[in-house]
Amino acid sequence: MHRLFTALLVLFAVLLPAMSHAQVPPPIPHPRIERPGDAHPPANDQPSLLAPQNAGQGGNDTTLSPDTSPVAGNPPAPDVPAVAQPVTLSARVKEDGPSIPSGLMWRIFATRPDETGKLPMLFKSEDPSVTLSLVPGRYLVHVAYGRAQASDTLDVVPGPNVKTIILDAGALKLRAAVTTEIPIPANELTFDISTTGLNGEQIPVVNAALEDEMIYLNAGVYSVVSKWGKQNATVRADIRVEPGQVTEATLFHKAARVSFVLVSKPGGEAIADVDWKVQDKDGKTMLSYFGAFPTAVLAKGDYTVIAQSGDAVFNRDFQVQPGRPIEIEVLTTIY
């Protein structure tokens, strides 16, 4: 018994230091999931730009596996497994509106620049509702709807991830006329749309838009310039685009279509092979033309037309008033 007790004391003396230095593994912490709360502003009673559609239909199901670009561009946190998670993206024109059913362009970027200093694009889709898989991490999502666009960060966490981007967009449809009774042919009209920059400069948004074209824009105030013809007939207006609405506007030109003819007597036969020039009161040339029947669209004002036939030069002062097309005869017999 004494020998057994002695052996136990020796064994305890050997094990005690080892037990005192043993490392007990700490519990693995659970991933911390933070989901920002969604803001819900009061719904307004204005009509929606789009008819309600079922979100998610016609989506694109794409998986970006853990060994693809998202991992390199957005490595997950050490305590989050690098396993692709489901992500669903959709967009609305306003907070309380329906999902946009078509016309979207989605792009997903990494948040770390590559060697060129640009954010690598990881995904692109034209589906209205996008379904794909991304490893946990932070991404940048950009969506365009016509000329309206928005960007937002996307934090992918374990579990389903649903992101809805509010474009705060509307549509603009433009027309132009001389008066309500005198229309302008649509093929003679174009519209330039710009917005005001931070320093007050005009930033082009749309160039040479057509009449009745549906133009999707972010909500805000835009400067619209209507151009009729190729001369100086322009009119400008500031127009506000409201989210979720189609804004229709008609711009009225103070101008007229003017045609010219060189004749030997009033109502006579036009003389061919004439070199024409039309100038405004400041001497700026509005039209240069060689032939028998030049035509120009001119803004309201005073002008001079010069017609050269061979060595003979004829001219006439005239005035343009807004209205229906007019013809200016230049006579050779009065000179």
Protein backbone atom coordinates (compact mmCIF):
# COMPACT_ATOMS: atom_id res chain seq x y z
CA MET A 1 0.00 0.00 0.00
CA HIS A 2 2.83 2.36 0.83
CA ARG A 3 4.44 1.63 -2.56
CA LEU A 4 1.12 2.31 -4.42
CA PHE A 5 0.64 5.60 -2.61
CA THR A 6 4.19 6.61 -3.46
CA ALA A 7 3.64 5.77 -7.18
CA LEU A 8 0.47 7.84 -7.28
CA LEU A 9 2.30 10.81 -5.79
CA VAL A 10 5.00 10.54 -8.48
CA LEU A 11 2.40 10.30 -11.31
CA PHE A 12 0.51 13.31 -9.99
CA ALA A 13 3.75 15.29 -9.76
CA VAL A 14 4.48 14.49 -13.44
CA LEU A 15 0.98 15.35 -14.80
CA LEU A 16 0.38 18.47 -12.76
CA PRO A 17 2.73 20.78 -14.77
CA ALA A 18 1.35 19.50 -18.08
CA MET A 19 -2.23 20.08 -16.96
CA SER A 20 -1.41 23.56 -15.75
CA HIS A 21 -0.03 24.52 -19.22
CA ALA A 22 -2.80 22.90 -21.36
CA GLN A 23 -4.58 25.34 -23.81
CA VAL A 24 -8.36 25.08 -23.84
CA PRO A 25 -9.68 26.11 -27.31
CA PRO A 26 -11.97 29.19 -27.12
CA PRO A 27 -15.49 28.91 -28.49
CA ILE A 28 -15.85 29.97 -32.14
CA PRO A 29 -17.74 33.27 -32.21
CA HIS A 30 -20.82 33.52 -34.39
CA PRO A 31 -20.55 35.85 -37.39
CA ARG A 32 -21.89 39.29 -36.62
CA ILE A 33 -24.67 40.14 -39.08
CA GLU A 34 -25.68 43.75 -39.46
CA ARG A 35 -28.66 44.57 -41.64
CA PRO A 36 -29.41 48.27 -42.10
CA GLY A 37 -33.02 49.17 -41.57
CA ASP A 38 -35.10 50.16 -44.58
CA ALA A 39 -36.56 53.65 -44.57
CA HIS A 40 -40.22 53.91 -45.56
CA PRO A 41 -41.23 57.48 -46.40
CA PRO A 42 -44.92 58.27 -46.68
CA ALA A 43 -46.46 57.02 -49.90
CA ASN A 44 -47.71 59.71 -52.22
CA ASP A 45 -50.89 59.47 -54.22
CA GLN A 46 -49.38 60.40 -57.61
CA PRO A 47 -49.77 57.87 -60.42
CA SER A 48 -46.92 55.44 -60.90
CA LEU A 49 -44.76 55.50 -64.00
CA LEU A 50 -44.92 51.72 -64.31
CA ALA A 51 -47.70 49.19 -64.05
CA PRO A 52 -47.25 46.70 -61.16
CA GLN A 53 -45.29 43.63 -62.12
CA ASN A 54 -44.28 40.47 -60.28
CA ALA A 55 -40.73 41.04 -59.07
CA GLY A 56 -38.24 38.29 -59.75
CA GLN A 57 -39.74 36.99 -62.98
CA GLY A 58 -37.33 36.52 -65.84
CA GLY A 59 -34.32 36.75 -63.50
CA ASN A 60 -30.84 35.47 -64.15
CA ASP A 61 -29.56 32.78 -61.80
CA THR A 62 -25.77 33.04 -61.69
CA THR A 63 -23.29 31.68 -59.18
CA LEU A 64 -19.94 33.30 -58.54
CA SER A 65 -17.99 30.53 -56.81
CA PRO A 66 -15.56 31.27 -53.96
CA ASP A 67 -12.51 30.94 -56.24
CA THR A 68 -13.65 33.66 -58.70
CA SER A 69 -13.06 37.40 -58.81
CA PRO A 70 -15.28 38.36 -55.84
CA VAL A 71 -12.97 36.48 -53.49
CA ALA A 72 -9.91 38.34 -54.75
CA GLY A 73 -11.68 41.68 -54.80
CA ASN A 74 -13.66 41.26 -51.57
CA PRO A 75 -12.11 38.61 -49.27
CA PRO A 76 -14.52 37.58 -46.53
CA ALA A 77 -13.79 38.27 -42.89
CA PRO A 78 -11.76 35.54 -41.12
CA ASP A 79 -14.75 34.35 -39.12
CA VAL A 80 -17.09 34.15 -42.16
CA PRO A 81 -16.91 31.05 -44.36
CA ALA A 82 -16.08 31.72 -48.03
CA VAL A 83 -19.26 30.05 -49.25
CA ALA A 84 -21.36 31.75 -51.94
CA GLN A 85 -24.67 33.11 -50.64
CA PRO A 86 -27.89 33.81 -52.60
CA VAL A 87 -28.43 37.43 -53.66
CA THR A 88 -31.54 38.94 -55.27
CA LEU A 89 -31.53 42.43 -56.79
CA SER A 90 -34.44 44.56 -57.98
CA ALA A 91 -35.11 48.24 -58.65
CA ARG A 92 -37.98 50.69 -58.34
CA VAL A 93 -38.52 54.19 -59.71
CA LYS A 94 -39.65 55.38 -56.28
CA GLU A 95 -39.84 54.02 -52.75
CA ASP A 96 -43.49 52.92 -52.80
CA GLY A 97 -43.61 52.00 -56.50
CA PRO A 98 -43.60 48.57 -58.17
CA SER A 99 -40.46 46.83 -59.34
CA ILE A 100 -39.27 47.96 -62.77
CA PRO A 101 -40.23 45.17 -65.22
CA SER A 102 -37.73 45.84 -68.03
CA GLY A 103 -35.06 48.14 -69.43
CA LEU A 104 -32.52 47.75 -66.61
CA MET A 105 -28.77 47.29 -66.85
CA TRP A 106 -27.12 45.83 -63.73
CA ARG A 107 -23.39 45.90 -62.96
CA ILE A 108 -21.63 44.60 -59.85
CA PHE A 109 -18.10 45.75 -59.00
CA ALA A 110 -15.48 44.84 -56.46
CA THR A 111 -14.75 47.59 -53.95
CA ARG A 112 -10.97 47.41 -54.28
CA PRO A 113 -9.29 48.92 -57.35
CA ASP A 114 -7.19 46.70 -59.58
CA GLU A 115 -3.67 47.50 -60.81
CA THR A 116 -5.12 50.07 -63.24
CA GLY A 117 -6.90 51.94 -60.45
CA LYS A 118 -10.39 50.89 -61.61
CA LEU A 119 -12.95 48.80 -59.80
CA PRO A 120 -13.17 45.36 -61.47
CA MET A 121 -16.62 44.56 -62.88
CA LEU A 122 -17.68 41.11 -61.67
CA PHE A 123 -21.17 40.75 -63.09
CA LYS A 124 -23.46 42.28 -65.71
CA SER A 125 -27.11 41.59 -66.53
CA GLU A 126 -30.06 43.16 -68.33
CA ASP A 127 -32.66 41.15 -66.43
CA PRO A 128 -35.20 43.17 -64.43
CA SER A 129 -34.70 41.03 -61.32
CA VAL A 130 -31.29 39.41 -60.85
CA THR A 131 -30.59 36.28 -58.84
CA LEU A 132 -26.97 35.25 -58.31
CA SER A 133 -24.57 33.95 -55.67
CA LEU A 134 -21.74 35.92 -54.06
CA VAL A 135 -19.28 35.08 -51.31
CA PRO A 136 -19.74 37.23 -48.18
CA GLY A 137 -18.16 40.64 -48.46
CA ARG A 138 -18.83 44.15 -49.70
CA TYR A 139 -19.64 44.98 -53.33
CA LEU A 140 -20.74 48.00 -55.35
CA VAL A 141 -24.01 47.69 -57.31
CA HIS A 142 -24.84 50.03 -60.19
CA VAL A 143 -28.15 49.98 -62.06
CA ALA A 144 -29.14 52.08 -65.08
CA TYR A 145 -32.65 52.67 -66.42
CA GLY A 146 -32.33 54.71 -69.58
CA ARG A 147 -30.44 57.82 -68.49
CA ALA A 148 -31.50 57.33 -64.87
CA GLN A 149 -28.98 55.51 -62.71
CA ALA A 150 -28.09 54.76 -59.11
CA SER A 151 -25.28 53.07 -57.18
CA ASP A 152 -25.21 51.52 -53.73
CA THR A 153 -23.06 49.21 -51.63
CA LEU A 154 -24.09 45.59 -51.19
CA ASP A 155 -23.00 43.78 -48.01
CA VAL A 156 -23.38 40.03 -48.58
CA VAL A 157 -23.81 38.03 -45.36
CA PRO A 158 -24.58 34.34 -44.71
CA GLY A 159 -28.16 33.59 -45.70
CA PRO A 160 -30.49 35.12 -48.29
CA ASN A 161 -29.57 38.67 -49.34
CA VAL A 162 -32.26 40.88 -50.91
CA LYS A 163 -31.44 44.36 -52.22
CA THR A 164 -33.87 46.84 -53.75
CA ILE A 165 -32.43 50.02 -55.26
CA ILE A 166 -34.61 53.12 -55.51
CA LEU A 167 -33.75 55.02 -58.68
CA ASP A 168 -35.88 58.06 -57.83
CA ALA A 169 -36.56 58.35 -61.56
CA GLY A 170 -39.21 59.63 -63.92
CA ALA A 171 -39.74 59.98 -67.65
CA LEU A 172 -39.77 62.99 -69.97
CA LYS A 173 -41.62 63.26 -73.28
CA LEU A 174 -41.05 66.40 -75.38
CA ARG A 175 -42.83 68.08 -78.29
CA ALA A 176 -42.54 71.43 -80.09
CA ALA A 177 -44.79 73.63 -82.22
CA VAL A 178 -45.16 77.16 -83.55
CA THR A 179 -48.64 77.52 -82.09
CA THR A 180 -51.31 75.08 -81.05
CA GLU A 181 -52.64 75.30 -84.62
CA ILE A 182 -49.25 75.17 -86.38
CA PRO A 183 -47.32 71.96 -85.66
CA ILE A 184 -43.72 71.28 -86.60
CA PRO A 185 -42.78 68.06 -88.44
CA ALA A 186 -41.21 65.68 -85.94
CA ASN A 187 -38.31 64.86 -88.27
CA GLU A 188 -37.21 68.52 -88.17
CA LEU A 189 -36.94 68.64 -84.36
CA THR A 190 -34.30 67.59 -81.85
CA PHE A 191 -33.97 68.21 -78.11
CA ASP A 192 -30.84 68.63 -76.01
CA ILE A 193 -31.16 67.98 -72.28
CA SER A 194 -28.66 69.10 -69.67
CA THR A 195 -28.40 69.47 -65.91
CA THR A 196 -26.60 71.99 -63.71
CA GLY A 197 -23.30 70.87 -62.17
CA LEU A 198 -21.90 71.74 -58.75
CA ASN A 199 -20.14 74.81 -60.14
CA GLY A 200 -23.15 76.00 -62.13
CA GLU A 201 -21.95 74.59 -65.45
CA GLN A 202 -24.33 72.81 -67.79
CA ILE A 203 -23.63 69.08 -68.04
CA PRO A 204 -25.09 67.35 -71.13
CA VAL A 205 -27.42 64.46 -70.34
CA VAL A 206 -29.10 63.71 -73.70
CA ASN A 207 -28.17 65.10 -77.11
CA ALA A 208 -30.50 65.15 -80.12
CA ALA A 209 -33.45 63.41 -78.48
CA LEU A 210 -36.47 62.98 -80.73
CA GLU A 211 -40.02 64.25 -80.34
CA ASP A 212 -42.24 61.93 -78.28
CA GLU A 213 -39.24 59.82 -77.27
CA MET A 214 -39.65 58.41 -73.76
CA ILE A 215 -36.55 59.57 -71.88
CA TYR A 216 -35.92 58.09 -68.43
CA LEU A 217 -34.08 60.44 -66.07
CA ASN A 218 -33.32 60.83 -62.40
CA ALA A 219 -35.83 63.14 -60.74
CA GLY A 220 -34.81 66.79 -60.82
CA VAL A 221 -34.80 69.98 -62.90
CA TYR A 222 -33.36 69.86 -66.41
CA SER A 223 -32.63 72.48 -69.04
CA VAL A 224 -34.20 71.54 -72.38
CA VAL A 225 -33.29 73.19 -75.70
CA SER A 226 -35.48 72.48 -78.70
CA LYS A 227 -33.83 72.90 -82.12
CA TRP A 228 -35.94 73.33 -85.24
CA GLY A 229 -34.04 73.02 -88.47
CA LYS A 230 -30.34 73.83 -88.90
CA GLN A 231 -30.31 77.60 -88.47
CA ASN A 232 -31.11 79.66 -85.37
CA ALA A 233 -34.61 78.50 -84.42
CA THR A 234 -34.20 77.36 -80.82
CA VAL A 235 -36.23 77.64 -77.64
CA ARG A 236 -35.18 76.81 -74.08
CA ALA A 237 -37.15 75.80 -70.98
CA ASP A 238 -36.45 74.42 -67.50
CA ILE A 239 -38.53 71.32 -66.81
CA ARG A 240 -38.90 69.36 -63.58
CA VAL A 241 -39.01 65.56 -63.75
CA GLU A 242 -40.95 63.99 -60.88
CA PRO A 243 -40.21 60.45 -59.63
CA GLY A 244 -42.63 57.84 -60.86
CA GLN A 245 -44.30 60.14 -63.38
CA VAL A 246 -44.21 60.87 -67.09
CA THR A 247 -43.68 64.60 -67.59
CA GLU A 248 -44.92 65.83 -70.98
CA ALA A 249 -43.93 69.28 -72.25
CA THR A 250 -44.46 71.26 -75.46
CA LEU A 251 -42.04 74.04 -76.37
CA PHE A 252 -43.24 76.82 -78.70
CA HIS A 253 -40.88 78.27 -81.29
CA LYS A 254 -40.95 81.94 -82.28
CA ALA A 255 -39.84 81.12 -85.81
CA ALA A 256 -41.05 80.28 -89.29
CA ARG A 257 -39.98 78.35 -92.37
CA VAL A 258 -38.79 80.71 -95.10
CA SER A 259 -38.17 79.85 -98.75
CA PHE A 260 -36.46 82.09 -101.31
CA VAL A 261 -36.77 82.53 -105.06
CA LEU A 262 -35.10 84.84 -107.57
CA VAL A 263 -37.53 86.07 -110.25
CA SER A 264 -37.64 88.77 -112.90
CA LYS A 265 -41.19 89.79 -111.93
CA PRO A 266 -43.59 88.98 -109.05
CA GLY A 267 -44.87 85.44 -109.38
CA GLY A 268 -42.46 84.76 -112.24
CA GLU A 269 -40.48 81.63 -112.97
CA ALA A 270 -37.58 80.92 -110.62
CA ILE A 271 -34.10 81.60 -111.94
CA ALA A 272 -31.77 78.60 -111.56
CA ASP A 273 -28.09 78.42 -110.61
CA VAL A 274 -28.23 81.13 -107.98
CA ASP A 275 -25.70 81.52 -105.18
CA TRP A 276 -27.69 82.41 -102.03
CA LYS A 277 -26.70 83.86 -98.68
CA VAL A 278 -28.94 84.84 -95.77
CA GLN A 279 -27.58 87.03 -92.96
CA ASP A 280 -29.06 88.28 -89.70
CA LYS A 281 -28.95 91.93 -88.64
CA ASP A 282 -25.48 91.42 -87.14
CA GLY A 283 -24.11 90.10 -90.42
CA LYS A 284 -23.91 86.47 -89.27
CA THR A 285 -24.55 84.02 -92.10
CA MET A 286 -27.59 81.86 -91.45
CA LEU A 287 -27.73 80.05 -94.80
CA SER A 288 -25.47 79.42 -97.78
CA TYR A 289 -26.98 77.58 -100.72
CA PHE A 290 -26.53 77.13 -104.47
CA GLY A 291 -29.62 76.39 -106.51
CA ALA A 292 -33.10 77.67 -107.28
CA PHE A 293 -35.19 77.06 -104.14
CA PRO A 294 -33.32 77.47 -100.82
CA THR A 295 -35.25 76.99 -97.59
CA ALA A 296 -34.37 77.88 -94.00
CA VAL A 297 -36.04 77.89 -90.59
CA LEU A 298 -35.38 81.29 -89.05
CA ALA A 299 -36.12 82.74 -85.64
CA LYS A 300 -38.15 85.91 -85.32
CA GLY A 301 -36.08 88.90 -86.44
CA ASP A 302 -34.67 91.03 -89.28
CA TYR A 303 -32.58 89.53 -92.08
CA THR A 304 -31.02 90.23 -95.46
CA VAL A 305 -30.99 87.80 -98.38
CA ILE A 306 -28.34 88.11 -101.08
CA ALA A 307 -28.73 86.32 -104.44
CA GLN A 308 -25.95 86.20 -107.02
CA SER A 309 -26.73 85.07 -110.57
CA GLY A 310 -23.64 85.19 -112.74
CA ASP A 311 -22.00 88.58 -112.17
CA ALA A 312 -25.24 90.21 -111.01
CA VAL A 313 -25.93 90.49 -107.27
CA PHE A 314 -29.40 91.18 -105.84
CA ASN A 315 -30.47 91.62 -102.23
CA ARG A 316 -33.55 92.24 -100.13
CA ASP A 317 -34.24 92.97 -96.47
CA PHE A 318 -37.07 91.03 -94.86
CA GLN A 319 -38.57 90.26 -91.49
CA VAL A 320 -39.60 86.93 -89.96
CA GLN A 321 -42.63 86.63 -87.69
CA PRO A 322 -43.68 83.36 -86.02
CA GLY A 323 -46.31 81.63 -88.09
CA ARG A 324 -46.88 79.61 -91.19
CA PRO A 325 -44.27 79.16 -93.96
CA ILE A 326 -43.53 82.23 -96.06
CA GLU A 327 -41.84 82.84 -99.41
CA ILE A 328 -39.48 85.72 -100.08
CA GLU A 329 -39.19 86.82 -103.72
CA VAL A 330 -36.03 88.60 -104.79
CA LEU A 331 -36.72 90.63 -107.95
CA THR A 332 -34.16 91.39 -110.63
CA THR A 333 -36.21 94.09 -112.36
CA ILE A 334 -36.16 96.69 -109.60
CA TYR A 335 -32.39 97.06 -109.52
